[in-house]
Amino acid sequence: MSVRKRTWTNGDGSQGEAWIVAYRDHAGARRFKSFDKKRDADAYHKEVWVDVRRGIHTADSTSITVAEAGRQWVEGSINAGLERATVDGYRQHLKFHIVPLIGAAKLSQLTVPAVRLFEDRLARDRSSAMVRKIVRSLGSILADAQERGLVAQNVVHSLRRNRRKDRTARVIITHLDGDRRRPMLLTAIFAGLRASEVRGLRWQDVDLKGAKLHVRQRVDRFGKIGPVKSEAGERTVPIPPRLVNTLREWKLAAPKSKLDLAFPTLAGTPQALTDIVRRSFQPAQVAAGVVNAKGQAKYKGLHTLRHFYASWCINREKDGGLELPLKMVQARLGHASIQMTADRYGHLFPSTDDGAELAAAEKALMH
């Protein structure tokens, strides 16, 4: 890796010069980049040297744009057999939000500050929930590009995320007493089921003696019962004693359902998601003081509870978490790939090693 000066004679006899940074990337390919000024070349040289050593460098000359990476991501989602509604949502994020604001940028030029600026621009006229979904889609685009070898790092993972949802779930739990949907919401909190999965849960899939749930079906937004979203979605989830006891009591009091649903309406049919959110989840937030500036419920959907479960699985034991490895978290959440889990919840894993833990591990190893 070097910085050198190159000079030449132009057609009119004048002298031209440039500063060339020559280096090999982490794959061993020879790369060159020219600059008008030496200080710019030196700065780039230092930056590239660090990135190449860390294995996160992608040369501008080999990089594609965010828009092109997004198109490949959507095409890959179609080929993977994702639901039409899911793919349509991806297309909308790409067409109306990502491409207009950041689509022309090359993947190699994306930095954490650049993505943060993108996030800020989105927030000017979009809801916080929509901003999170769009940024998550950008992270998925970069993850897909990583798998294709088009970019070396996913800068979305480096964004600082709001972790207050963990505390939010704990507070909400205390304000669910007396609500007939309390067992359902506790199941969402302590088993991490999607809203569609908890609405479709059957008693035959609840093993109270073995303290586990079998996820085998779901209820879509139209109230139709069907299989889970993917093969990985069909899973077995262990549940803690508190939830076991809650479900045992609920089984005696629950409305009867010909469909064997664990959380049916009084008529025994699947509950509508809008009713659950509007009549139980949002009132519990208001009662707990989890509100926005207008005094309204802060979170509009049940995914907050799934986020709590994911962070509970990931957090260290000393912080009250289960400290599970990423692969196990993927299985618990029913994600189709470990990359999906990393995209959505990778920011929750500790980014640095704890010095005391390292010292203790070293001592145990050497004695």
Protein backbone atom coordinates (compact mmCIF):
# COMPACT_ATOMS: atom_id res chain seq x y z
CA MET A 1 0.00 0.00 0.00
CA SER A 2 1.50 3.31 -1.08
CA VAL A 3 0.90 6.91 -2.08
CA ARG A 4 2.84 8.17 -5.07
CA LYS A 5 2.87 11.16 -7.35
CA ARG A 6 2.15 10.74 -11.05
CA THR A 7 2.99 13.42 -13.63
CA TRP A 8 2.33 13.71 -17.35
CA THR A 9 2.38 16.15 -20.24
CA ASN A 10 -0.94 17.29 -21.66
CA GLY A 11 -1.62 17.83 -25.37
CA ASP A 12 -1.12 21.57 -25.02
CA GLY A 13 2.29 21.08 -23.43
CA SER A 14 1.17 21.81 -19.87
CA GLN A 15 2.10 19.51 -17.02
CA GLY A 16 -0.51 17.46 -15.18
CA GLU A 17 -0.14 15.66 -11.89
CA ALA A 18 -2.14 13.47 -9.50
CA TRP A 19 -1.57 11.53 -6.33
CA ILE A 20 -2.22 7.81 -6.60
CA VAL A 21 -3.14 5.51 -3.73
CA ALA A 22 -2.21 1.93 -4.64
CA TYR A 23 -3.25 -0.98 -2.45
CA ARG A 24 -4.55 -4.54 -2.36
CA ASP A 25 -7.98 -5.15 -0.92
CA HIS A 26 -8.75 -7.96 1.54
CA ALA A 27 -9.35 -10.30 -1.42
CA GLY A 28 -5.87 -9.57 -2.78
CA ALA A 29 -7.03 -7.55 -5.81
CA ARG A 30 -4.87 -4.57 -6.83
CA ARG A 31 -6.70 -1.23 -6.51
CA PHE A 32 -5.88 2.36 -7.45
CA LYS A 33 -7.51 5.67 -6.64
CA SER A 34 -6.30 9.11 -7.73
CA PHE A 35 -6.54 12.50 -6.01
CA ASP A 36 -5.67 16.06 -6.98
CA LYS A 37 -4.11 16.83 -3.61
CA LYS A 38 -1.63 14.87 -1.53
CA ARG A 39 -3.44 15.48 1.73
CA ASP A 40 -6.59 13.88 0.32
CA ALA A 41 -4.57 10.89 -0.88
CA ASP A 42 -2.90 10.52 2.50
CA ALA A 43 -6.24 10.67 4.31
CA TYR A 44 -7.72 8.03 2.01
CA HIS A 45 -4.59 5.89 2.42
CA LYS A 46 -4.99 5.86 6.20
CA GLU A 47 -8.72 5.09 5.97
CA VAL A 48 -8.29 2.25 3.49
CA TRP A 49 -5.39 0.74 5.43
CA VAL A 50 -7.61 0.39 8.50
CA ASP A 51 -10.65 -0.88 6.58
CA VAL A 52 -8.67 -3.46 4.61
CA ARG A 53 -7.14 -4.83 7.80
CA ARG A 54 -10.62 -5.07 9.33
CA GLY A 55 -11.99 -6.71 6.18
CA ILE A 56 -14.69 -4.07 5.65
CA HIS A 57 -13.41 -2.28 2.55
CA THR A 58 -15.17 -2.25 -0.82
CA ALA A 59 -13.58 -0.38 -3.71
CA ASP A 60 -15.74 2.31 -5.34
CA SER A 61 -14.94 0.88 -8.78
CA THR A 62 -16.57 -2.45 -7.92
CA SER A 63 -19.50 -1.09 -5.94
CA ILE A 64 -23.09 -0.83 -7.13
CA THR A 65 -25.68 1.72 -6.01
CA VAL A 66 -28.20 1.29 -3.22
CA ALA A 67 -30.98 1.34 -5.84
CA GLU A 68 -29.45 -1.56 -7.78
CA ALA A 69 -28.77 -3.52 -4.58
CA GLY A 70 -32.40 -2.91 -3.60
CA ARG A 71 -33.67 -4.30 -6.89
CA GLN A 72 -31.56 -7.42 -6.38
CA TRP A 73 -32.91 -7.73 -2.83
CA VAL A 74 -36.53 -7.58 -4.00
CA GLU A 75 -35.83 -10.10 -6.76
CA GLY A 76 -34.18 -12.41 -4.23
CA SER A 77 -37.21 -12.10 -1.95
CA ILE A 78 -39.48 -13.18 -4.81
CA ASN A 79 -37.23 -16.14 -5.63
CA ALA A 80 -37.23 -17.13 -1.95
CA GLY A 81 -41.02 -17.47 -2.10
CA LEU A 82 -41.90 -14.70 0.35
CA GLU A 83 -45.54 -13.72 0.54
CA ARG A 84 -46.83 -11.26 -2.03
CA ALA A 85 -47.80 -8.73 0.63
CA THR A 86 -44.30 -8.85 2.10
CA VAL A 87 -42.63 -8.33 -1.28
CA ASP A 88 -45.03 -5.49 -2.11
CA GLY A 89 -44.06 -3.82 1.15
CA TYR A 90 -40.39 -4.14 0.24
CA ARG A 91 -41.05 -2.60 -3.19
CA GLN A 92 -42.83 0.37 -1.63
CA HIS A 93 -40.00 1.00 0.83
CA LEU A 94 -37.53 0.91 -2.03
CA LYS A 95 -39.50 2.97 -4.56
CA PHE A 96 -40.98 5.68 -2.36
CA HIS A 97 -38.48 6.06 0.47
CA ILE A 98 -35.03 4.57 -0.14
CA VAL A 99 -34.35 5.30 -3.81
CA PRO A 100 -35.47 8.97 -3.73
CA LEU A 101 -33.24 9.79 -0.76
CA ILE A 102 -30.23 7.51 -0.97
CA GLY A 103 -30.65 5.34 -4.07
CA ALA A 104 -27.84 6.96 -6.08
CA ALA A 105 -25.21 6.38 -3.38
CA LYS A 106 -22.76 3.56 -3.91
CA LEU A 107 -22.70 0.86 -1.26
CA SER A 108 -19.02 1.51 -0.67
CA GLN A 109 -19.79 5.13 0.18
CA LEU A 110 -22.35 4.38 2.87
CA THR A 111 -21.21 5.30 6.36
CA VAL A 112 -22.94 5.38 9.73
CA PRO A 113 -23.27 9.21 9.55
CA ALA A 114 -24.74 8.91 6.04
CA VAL A 115 -27.34 6.38 7.18
CA ARG A 116 -28.11 8.47 10.25
CA LEU A 117 -28.70 11.49 7.98
CA PHE A 118 -30.98 9.31 5.84
CA GLU A 119 -32.89 8.31 8.99
CA ASP A 120 -33.24 11.96 10.03
CA ARG A 121 -34.55 12.95 6.61
CA LEU A 122 -37.12 10.16 6.76
CA ALA A 123 -38.30 11.35 10.17
CA ARG A 124 -39.23 14.79 8.85
CA ASP A 125 -42.52 13.61 7.36
CA ARG A 126 -42.92 9.97 8.35
CA SER A 127 -43.98 8.25 11.55
CA SER A 128 -41.35 6.72 13.83
CA ALA A 129 -42.76 3.26 13.12
CA MET A 130 -42.42 3.81 9.37
CA VAL A 131 -38.87 5.12 9.77
CA ARG A 132 -37.87 1.98 11.67
CA LYS A 133 -39.37 -0.27 8.98
CA ILE A 134 -37.60 1.59 6.17
CA VAL A 135 -34.22 1.59 7.92
CA ARG A 136 -34.70 -2.10 8.64
CA SER A 137 -35.29 -2.66 4.92
CA LEU A 138 -32.09 -0.76 4.13
CA GLY A 139 -30.28 -3.06 6.56
CA SER A 140 -31.75 -6.07 4.78
CA ILE A 141 -30.60 -4.68 1.43
CA LEU A 142 -27.05 -4.36 2.75
CA ALA A 143 -27.19 -7.83 4.30
CA ASP A 144 -28.26 -9.27 0.94
CA ALA A 145 -25.44 -7.35 -0.77
CA GLN A 146 -22.96 -8.77 1.76
CA GLU A 147 -24.03 -12.30 0.89
CA ARG A 148 -23.49 -11.48 -2.79
CA GLY A 149 -20.01 -10.10 -2.07
CA LEU A 150 -20.97 -6.58 -3.13
CA VAL A 151 -20.20 -4.81 0.14
CA ALA A 152 -17.99 -5.74 3.08
CA GLN A 153 -19.99 -4.29 5.97
CA ASN A 154 -23.54 -3.46 6.98
CA VAL A 155 -23.36 0.03 8.43
CA VAL A 156 -27.01 -0.11 9.55
CA HIS A 157 -25.89 -2.52 12.27
CA SER A 158 -23.76 0.21 13.78
CA LEU A 159 -26.66 2.58 14.36
CA ARG A 160 -27.44 3.11 18.02
CA ARG A 161 -30.87 1.69 18.73
CA ASN A 162 -33.43 2.64 21.34
CA ARG A 163 -33.53 -0.13 23.94
CA ARG A 164 -36.23 1.36 26.12
CA LYS A 165 -38.77 -1.14 24.77
CA ASP A 166 -37.44 -3.71 27.26
CA ARG A 167 -38.47 -1.51 30.19
CA THR A 168 -41.72 -0.66 28.39
CA ALA A 169 -42.82 -4.29 28.30
CA ARG A 170 -42.09 -4.74 32.00
CA VAL A 171 -44.19 -1.70 32.88
CA ILE A 172 -47.05 -2.76 30.62
CA ILE A 173 -47.20 -6.19 32.25
CA THR A 174 -48.10 -4.60 35.57
CA HIS A 175 -51.07 -2.79 33.97
CA LEU A 176 -52.71 -5.82 32.35
CA ASP A 177 -54.39 -7.13 35.50
CA GLY A 178 -58.11 -7.59 34.92
CA ASP A 179 -57.81 -7.51 31.12
CA ARG A 180 -59.13 -10.70 29.52
CA ARG A 181 -56.38 -10.45 26.91
CA ARG A 182 -53.64 -10.51 29.56
CA PRO A 183 -52.76 -14.21 28.93
CA MET A 184 -52.50 -13.51 25.19
CA LEU A 185 -50.22 -10.50 25.62
CA LEU A 186 -48.07 -12.31 28.18
CA THR A 187 -47.66 -15.10 25.63
CA ALA A 188 -46.48 -12.54 23.07
CA ILE A 189 -44.04 -11.13 25.63
CA PHE A 190 -42.58 -14.35 27.05
CA ALA A 191 -42.70 -16.59 23.96
CA GLY A 192 -41.90 -14.04 21.26
CA LEU A 193 -44.71 -15.17 18.98
CA ARG A 194 -45.79 -12.95 16.11
CA ALA A 195 -49.23 -11.39 16.51
CA SER A 196 -50.57 -13.72 13.80
CA GLU A 197 -49.08 -16.76 15.57
CA VAL A 198 -50.42 -15.97 19.03
CA ARG A 199 -53.88 -15.36 17.56
CA GLY A 200 -53.70 -18.76 15.85
CA LEU A 201 -52.32 -20.70 18.81
CA ARG A 202 -54.36 -23.84 19.66
CA TRP A 203 -54.62 -25.61 23.00
CA GLN A 204 -53.40 -28.82 21.39
CA ASP A 205 -50.15 -26.96 20.70
CA VAL A 206 -49.75 -25.79 24.31
CA ASP A 207 -47.75 -28.28 26.40
CA LEU A 208 -48.16 -27.03 29.96
CA LYS A 209 -46.51 -30.09 31.48
CA GLY A 210 -43.47 -29.74 29.24
CA ALA A 211 -43.52 -25.93 29.51
CA LYS A 212 -43.42 -25.27 25.78
CA LEU A 213 -45.51 -24.06 22.86
CA HIS A 214 -45.61 -25.58 19.38
CA VAL A 215 -46.08 -22.93 16.69
CA ARG A 216 -47.85 -24.59 13.76
CA GLN A 217 -50.40 -22.14 12.39
CA ARG A 218 -51.31 -18.46 12.26
CA VAL A 219 -54.22 -16.12 11.59
CA ASP A 220 -53.67 -13.53 8.86
CA ARG A 221 -55.01 -9.97 8.90
CA PHE A 222 -58.20 -11.14 7.19
CA GLY A 223 -58.95 -13.65 9.96
CA LYS A 224 -58.00 -16.65 7.84
CA ILE A 225 -56.23 -19.56 9.55
CA GLY A 226 -53.28 -21.03 7.68
CA PRO A 227 -49.71 -22.33 8.00
CA VAL A 228 -46.91 -20.22 9.45
CA LYS A 229 -44.96 -17.91 7.13
CA SER A 230 -42.01 -20.24 6.53
CA GLU A 231 -40.63 -23.67 7.39
CA ALA A 232 -38.52 -22.05 10.11
CA GLY A 233 -41.66 -20.45 11.55
CA GLU A 234 -42.92 -23.87 12.60
CA ARG A 235 -41.05 -24.30 15.86
CA THR A 236 -41.14 -25.22 19.54
CA VAL A 237 -40.64 -22.44 22.09
CA PRO A 238 -39.94 -23.09 25.80
CA ILE A 239 -41.92 -20.89 28.18
CA PRO A 240 -41.14 -19.70 31.72
CA PRO A 241 -43.07 -20.79 34.86
CA ARG A 242 -44.99 -17.51 35.12
CA LEU A 243 -46.49 -18.00 31.67
CA VAL A 244 -47.18 -21.70 32.35
CA ASN A 245 -49.20 -20.79 35.44
CA THR A 246 -51.03 -18.00 33.61
CA LEU A 247 -52.03 -20.32 30.76
CA ARG A 248 -53.07 -23.07 33.15
CA GLU A 249 -55.50 -20.67 34.84
CA TRP A 250 -56.64 -19.23 31.51
CA LYS A 251 -57.45 -22.64 30.08
CA LEU A 252 -60.15 -23.04 32.71
CA ALA A 253 -61.66 -19.61 32.02
CA ALA A 254 -61.15 -19.24 28.26
CA PRO A 255 -64.15 -19.16 25.89
CA LYS A 256 -64.78 -22.47 24.17
CA SER A 257 -63.70 -22.67 20.56
CA LYS A 258 -64.52 -25.29 17.94
CA LEU A 259 -61.23 -24.26 16.36
CA ASP A 260 -59.42 -25.12 19.63
CA LEU A 261 -58.00 -21.58 19.76
CA ALA A 262 -56.26 -20.62 22.98
CA PHE A 263 -57.26 -16.96 22.67
CA PRO A 264 -60.58 -16.80 20.78
CA THR A 265 -63.33 -14.22 20.84
CA LEU A 266 -66.36 -14.92 23.02
CA ALA A 267 -67.84 -16.61 19.94
CA GLY A 268 -64.81 -18.90 19.60
CA THR A 269 -63.42 -17.27 16.45
CA PRO A 270 -59.99 -15.67 15.89
CA GLN A 271 -59.53 -12.25 17.46
CA ALA A 272 -58.94 -9.25 15.21
CA LEU A 273 -55.53 -7.66 15.66
CA THR A 274 -57.01 -4.16 15.64
CA ASP A 275 -59.26 -5.05 18.58
CA ILE A 276 -56.35 -6.42 20.59
CA VAL A 277 -54.27 -3.32 20.00
CA ARG A 278 -57.05 -0.76 20.44
CA ARG A 279 -58.85 -2.31 23.42
CA SER A 280 -55.97 -3.86 25.37
CA PHE A 281 -52.42 -3.04 24.32
CA GLN A 282 -52.85 0.70 23.85
CA PRO A 283 -54.95 1.25 27.01
CA ALA A 284 -52.32 -0.65 29.02
CA GLN A 285 -49.64 1.68 27.66
CA VAL A 286 -51.63 4.78 28.60
CA ALA A 287 -52.24 3.39 32.10
CA ALA A 288 -48.51 2.69 32.42
CA GLY A 289 -47.57 6.16 31.22
CA VAL A 290 -45.97 4.87 28.03
CA VAL A 291 -47.25 7.69 25.85
CA ASN A 292 -46.14 10.20 23.23
CA ALA A 293 -46.22 13.98 23.47
CA LYS A 294 -49.99 13.96 22.82
CA GLY A 295 -50.68 11.55 25.66
CA GLN A 296 -51.48 8.70 23.28
CA ALA A 297 -50.09 5.16 23.41
CA LYS A 298 -46.51 5.29 22.19
CA TYR A 299 -46.44 1.97 20.34
CA LYS A 300 -49.09 1.16 17.74
CA GLY A 301 -48.45 -2.54 17.24
CA LEU A 302 -47.55 -5.72 19.09
CA HIS A 303 -44.10 -6.04 17.53
CA THR A 304 -42.76 -4.10 20.53
CA LEU A 305 -43.48 -7.19 22.62
CA ARG A 306 -41.62 -9.44 20.19
CA HIS A 307 -38.70 -7.01 20.35
CA PHE A 308 -38.72 -7.36 24.14
CA TYR A 309 -38.56 -11.13 23.82
CA ALA A 310 -35.65 -10.92 21.39
CA SER A 311 -33.69 -8.60 23.68
CA TRP A 312 -34.50 -10.83 26.68
CA CYS A 313 -33.03 -13.80 24.79
CA ILE A 314 -29.91 -11.82 23.85
CA ASN A 315 -29.15 -9.82 27.01
CA ARG A 316 -26.53 -11.10 29.42
CA GLU A 317 -27.60 -13.18 32.39
CA LYS A 318 -26.23 -10.58 34.80
CA ASP A 319 -28.64 -8.08 33.19
CA GLY A 320 -31.63 -10.40 33.58
CA GLY A 321 -31.42 -11.93 30.10
CA LEU A 322 -31.02 -15.48 28.81
CA GLU A 323 -27.73 -14.77 26.97
CA LEU A 324 -28.54 -17.13 24.10
CA PRO A 325 -26.32 -17.46 21.01
CA LEU A 326 -27.54 -15.92 17.77
CA LYS A 327 -28.43 -19.28 16.21
CA MET A 328 -30.70 -20.17 19.12
CA VAL A 329 -32.34 -16.75 19.03
CA GLN A 330 -33.06 -17.35 15.34
CA ALA A 331 -34.76 -20.66 16.18
CA ARG A 332 -36.83 -19.13 19.01
CA LEU A 333 -38.06 -16.30 16.78
CA GLY A 334 -38.73 -18.53 13.78
CA HIS A 335 -36.62 -16.53 11.33
CA ALA A 336 -35.90 -18.13 7.97
CA SER A 337 -32.18 -17.27 8.19
CA ILE A 338 -29.64 -16.29 10.81
CA GLN A 339 -28.89 -13.21 8.68
CA MET A 340 -32.46 -12.00 9.22
CA THR A 341 -31.99 -12.28 12.98
CA ALA A 342 -28.69 -10.44 12.79
CA ASP A 343 -30.24 -7.68 10.65
CA ARG A 344 -33.10 -7.04 13.05
CA TYR A 345 -31.52 -7.68 16.43
CA GLY A 346 -27.75 -7.77 15.94
CA HIS A 347 -27.46 -4.33 17.53
CA LEU A 348 -28.62 -5.81 20.85
CA PHE A 349 -25.61 -8.10 21.20
CA PRO A 350 -22.71 -6.65 23.26
CA SER A 351 -20.32 -4.84 20.93
CA THR A 352 -17.29 -5.13 23.23
CA ASP A 353 -15.93 -7.71 25.63
CA ASP A 354 -16.23 -7.07 29.33
CA GLY A 355 -12.76 -6.78 30.86
CA ALA A 356 -13.68 -8.59 34.07
CA GLU A 357 -15.23 -11.47 32.14
CA LEU A 358 -12.11 -11.79 29.98
CA ALA A 359 -9.89 -11.85 33.04
CA ALA A 360 -12.04 -14.51 34.69
CA ALA A 361 -12.06 -16.62 31.51
CA GLU A 362 -8.28 -16.34 31.18
CA LYS A 363 -7.81 -17.39 34.81
CA ALA A 364 -10.08 -20.40 34.36
CA LEU A 365 -8.24 -21.44 31.21
CA MET A 366 -4.74 -21.18 32.66
CA HIS A 367 -5.42 -22.91 35.97
